């Protein structure tokens, strides 16, 4: 019985330890958030993800960004409408999306209310999302992902 209890305890502790290590590594390693899995859903609940804009890499046309994406979106099937929008606490935020159908940059302006966004049809694939800043400064932001045009 003791041998069985010890074996069961090992089966529980090893996975818990692995998950704990992954969570700690994820929170201390930098800005990248867990990958968001997306598929076409009529009852999609909008997602918000906080972070810090800017970075040390000059993207040439989309401000200064981090070395690794702030967020990764994995689109598993064609989505007829997806909107990604960022709201920053200051600065001149930018939104750089690098995916299977190209690299797109959106700058903050008066029309967008200083909240850059990209929306439309998204094809299946992995999308790296960078929240940059044209001034090179860093600001807190919230990234919003929605499949509804009125969110």
Protein backbone atom coordinates (compact mmCIF):
# COMPACT_ATOMS: atom_id res chain seq x y z
CA UNK A 1 0.00 0.00 0.00
CA UNK A 2 2.83 2.41 0.90
CA UNK A 3 4.49 1.67 -2.47
CA UNK A 4 1.20 2.44 -4.27
CA UNK A 5 0.72 5.70 -2.32
CA UNK A 6 4.31 6.81 -3.08
CA UNK A 7 3.79 6.02 -6.80
CA UNK A 8 0.50 7.97 -6.89
CA UNK A 9 2.11 10.92 -5.13
CA UNK A 10 4.91 10.94 -7.73
CA UNK A 11 2.34 10.94 -10.52
CA UNK A 12 0.76 14.06 -8.99
CA UNK A 13 3.91 15.93 -7.95
CA UNK A 14 5.85 15.61 -11.21
CA UNK A 15 3.16 17.23 -13.43
CA UNK A 16 2.54 19.92 -10.78
CA UNK A 17 6.28 20.68 -10.66
CA UNK A 18 6.47 20.91 -14.46
CA UNK A 19 3.49 23.27 -14.63
CA UNK A 20 4.93 25.39 -11.81
CA UNK A 21 8.30 25.67 -13.57
CA UNK A 22 6.62 26.63 -16.84
CA UNK A 23 4.47 29.27 -15.15
CA UNK A 24 7.40 30.77 -13.25
CA UNK A 25 9.59 30.74 -16.36
CA UNK A 26 6.82 32.38 -18.33
CA UNK A 27 6.35 35.19 -15.84
CA UNK A 28 10.02 35.91 -15.27
CA UNK A 29 11.30 35.50 -18.81
CA UNK A 30 9.80 38.69 -20.18
CA UNK A 31 6.87 40.13 -21.96
CA UNK A 32 5.50 37.27 -24.05
CA UNK A 33 2.08 36.03 -22.98
CA UNK A 34 0.78 32.50 -23.54
CA UNK A 35 -0.38 31.78 -27.08
CA UNK A 36 -4.07 32.49 -27.63
CA UNK A 37 -5.82 29.78 -29.66
CA UNK A 38 -8.55 31.22 -31.92
CA UNK A 39 -11.22 29.71 -34.14
CA UNK A 40 -14.36 31.07 -35.77
CA UNK A 41 -16.99 31.33 -33.01
CA UNK A 42 -20.31 33.14 -32.94
CA UNK A 43 -20.28 33.20 -29.12
CA UNK A 44 -16.64 34.31 -28.77
CA UNK A 45 -15.88 36.06 -25.49
CA UNK A 46 -13.57 39.05 -26.11
CA UNK A 47 -10.08 38.68 -24.64
CA UNK A 48 -7.99 41.36 -22.97
CA UNK A 49 -4.30 40.97 -22.23
CA UNK A 50 -2.13 43.53 -20.40
CA UNK A 51 1.51 44.25 -21.12
CA UNK A 52 4.13 46.91 -21.69
CA UNK A 53 4.65 48.59 -25.07
CA UNK A 54 7.90 49.51 -26.73
CA UNK A 55 11.28 47.87 -26.70
CA UNK A 56 14.82 48.18 -27.96
CA UNK A 57 14.31 47.00 -31.56
CA UNK A 58 13.71 49.69 -34.19
CA UNK A 59 11.16 48.12 -36.52
CA UNK A 60 11.88 50.86 -39.11
CA UNK A 61 8.24 51.64 -39.85
CA UNK A 62 6.31 50.64 -36.72
CA UNK A 63 8.20 52.21 -33.83
CA UNK A 64 10.31 50.45 -31.26
CA UNK A 65 9.24 46.91 -30.31
CA UNK A 66 10.40 44.10 -28.04
CA UNK A 67 12.70 41.35 -29.35
CA UNK A 68 9.95 38.75 -28.95
CA UNK A 69 6.23 39.19 -29.61
CA UNK A 70 4.07 40.60 -26.83
CA UNK A 71 1.37 38.13 -27.82
CA UNK A 72 1.04 35.17 -30.19
CA UNK A 73 -2.29 34.34 -31.80
CA UNK A 74 -2.76 30.88 -33.28
CA UNK A 75 -5.69 30.95 -35.69
CA UNK A 76 -6.77 27.35 -36.28
CA UNK A 77 -9.36 28.06 -38.98
CA UNK A 78 -10.40 30.99 -41.16
CA UNK A 79 -12.06 33.73 -39.09
CA UNK A 80 -14.37 35.96 -41.11
CA UNK A 81 -13.95 38.89 -38.71
CA UNK A 82 -11.32 39.37 -36.03
CA UNK A 83 -10.29 42.66 -34.47
CA UNK A 84 -7.09 43.27 -32.51
CA UNK A 85 -6.86 46.65 -30.77
CA UNK A 86 -4.45 48.17 -28.29
CA UNK A 87 -5.00 50.90 -25.72
CA UNK A 88 -1.89 52.34 -24.06
CA UNK A 89 -1.61 54.61 -21.03
CA UNK A 90 0.56 57.06 -22.99
CA UNK A 91 3.03 57.57 -25.77
CA UNK A 92 2.44 56.81 -29.44
CA UNK A 93 1.44 53.13 -29.53
CA UNK A 94 1.83 50.97 -32.62
CA UNK A 95 0.49 47.56 -33.50
CA UNK A 96 2.70 45.28 -35.60
CA UNK A 97 1.23 41.95 -36.70
CA UNK A 98 3.47 39.46 -38.48
CA UNK A 99 1.58 36.47 -39.84
CA UNK A 100 1.24 34.00 -42.70
CA UNK A 101 -0.33 36.61 -44.98
CA UNK A 102 2.24 39.34 -44.36
CA UNK A 103 3.45 41.99 -41.97
CA UNK A 104 1.06 44.79 -41.05
CA UNK A 105 1.69 47.96 -39.05
CA UNK A 106 -0.95 50.26 -37.61
CA UNK A 107 -0.02 53.57 -36.01
CA UNK A 108 -2.01 55.51 -33.42
CA UNK A 109 -3.73 58.58 -34.80
CA UNK A 110 -6.60 60.93 -34.02
CA UNK A 111 -9.06 58.85 -36.07
CA UNK A 112 -8.38 55.70 -34.03
CA UNK A 113 -8.47 57.66 -30.78
CA UNK A 114 -4.81 56.76 -30.31
CA UNK A 115 -5.83 53.07 -30.15
CA UNK A 116 -4.38 51.29 -33.19
CA UNK A 117 -6.38 48.33 -34.44
CA UNK A 118 -6.41 45.84 -37.27
CA UNK A 119 -9.52 43.94 -38.30
CA UNK A 120 -10.92 41.78 -41.05
CA UNK A 121 -10.54 38.22 -42.30
CA UNK A 122 -7.76 36.23 -40.61
CA UNK A 123 -6.43 33.08 -42.28
CA UNK A 124 -5.20 30.05 -40.33
CA UNK A 125 -1.69 30.37 -38.97
CA UNK A 126 0.55 31.83 -36.29
CA UNK A 127 0.49 35.60 -35.80
CA UNK A 128 3.15 37.41 -33.78
CA UNK A 129 1.77 40.61 -32.26
CA UNK A 130 4.12 43.38 -31.18
CA UNK A 131 2.89 46.44 -29.28
CA UNK A 132 5.42 49.14 -30.02
CA UNK A 133 5.85 52.84 -29.41
CA UNK A 134 7.09 55.41 -31.92
CA UNK A 135 8.85 57.45 -29.24
CA UNK A 136 10.82 54.46 -27.94
CA UNK A 137 9.29 54.78 -24.47
CA UNK A 138 7.47 52.06 -22.57
CA UNK A 139 3.87 52.28 -21.41
CA UNK A 140 1.35 49.90 -19.94
CA UNK A 141 -1.21 48.71 -22.45
CA UNK A 142 -4.18 46.40 -22.84
CA UNK A 143 -4.55 44.33 -26.00
CA UNK A 144 -8.13 43.47 -26.96
CA UNK A 145 -9.09 40.58 -29.26
CA UNK A 146 -12.68 40.29 -30.45
CA UNK A 147 -14.71 38.59 -33.17
CA UNK A 148 -17.44 41.24 -32.95
CA UNK A 149 -17.29 44.59 -34.72
CA UNK A 150 -19.01 46.45 -31.89
CA UNK A 151 -16.74 45.42 -28.96
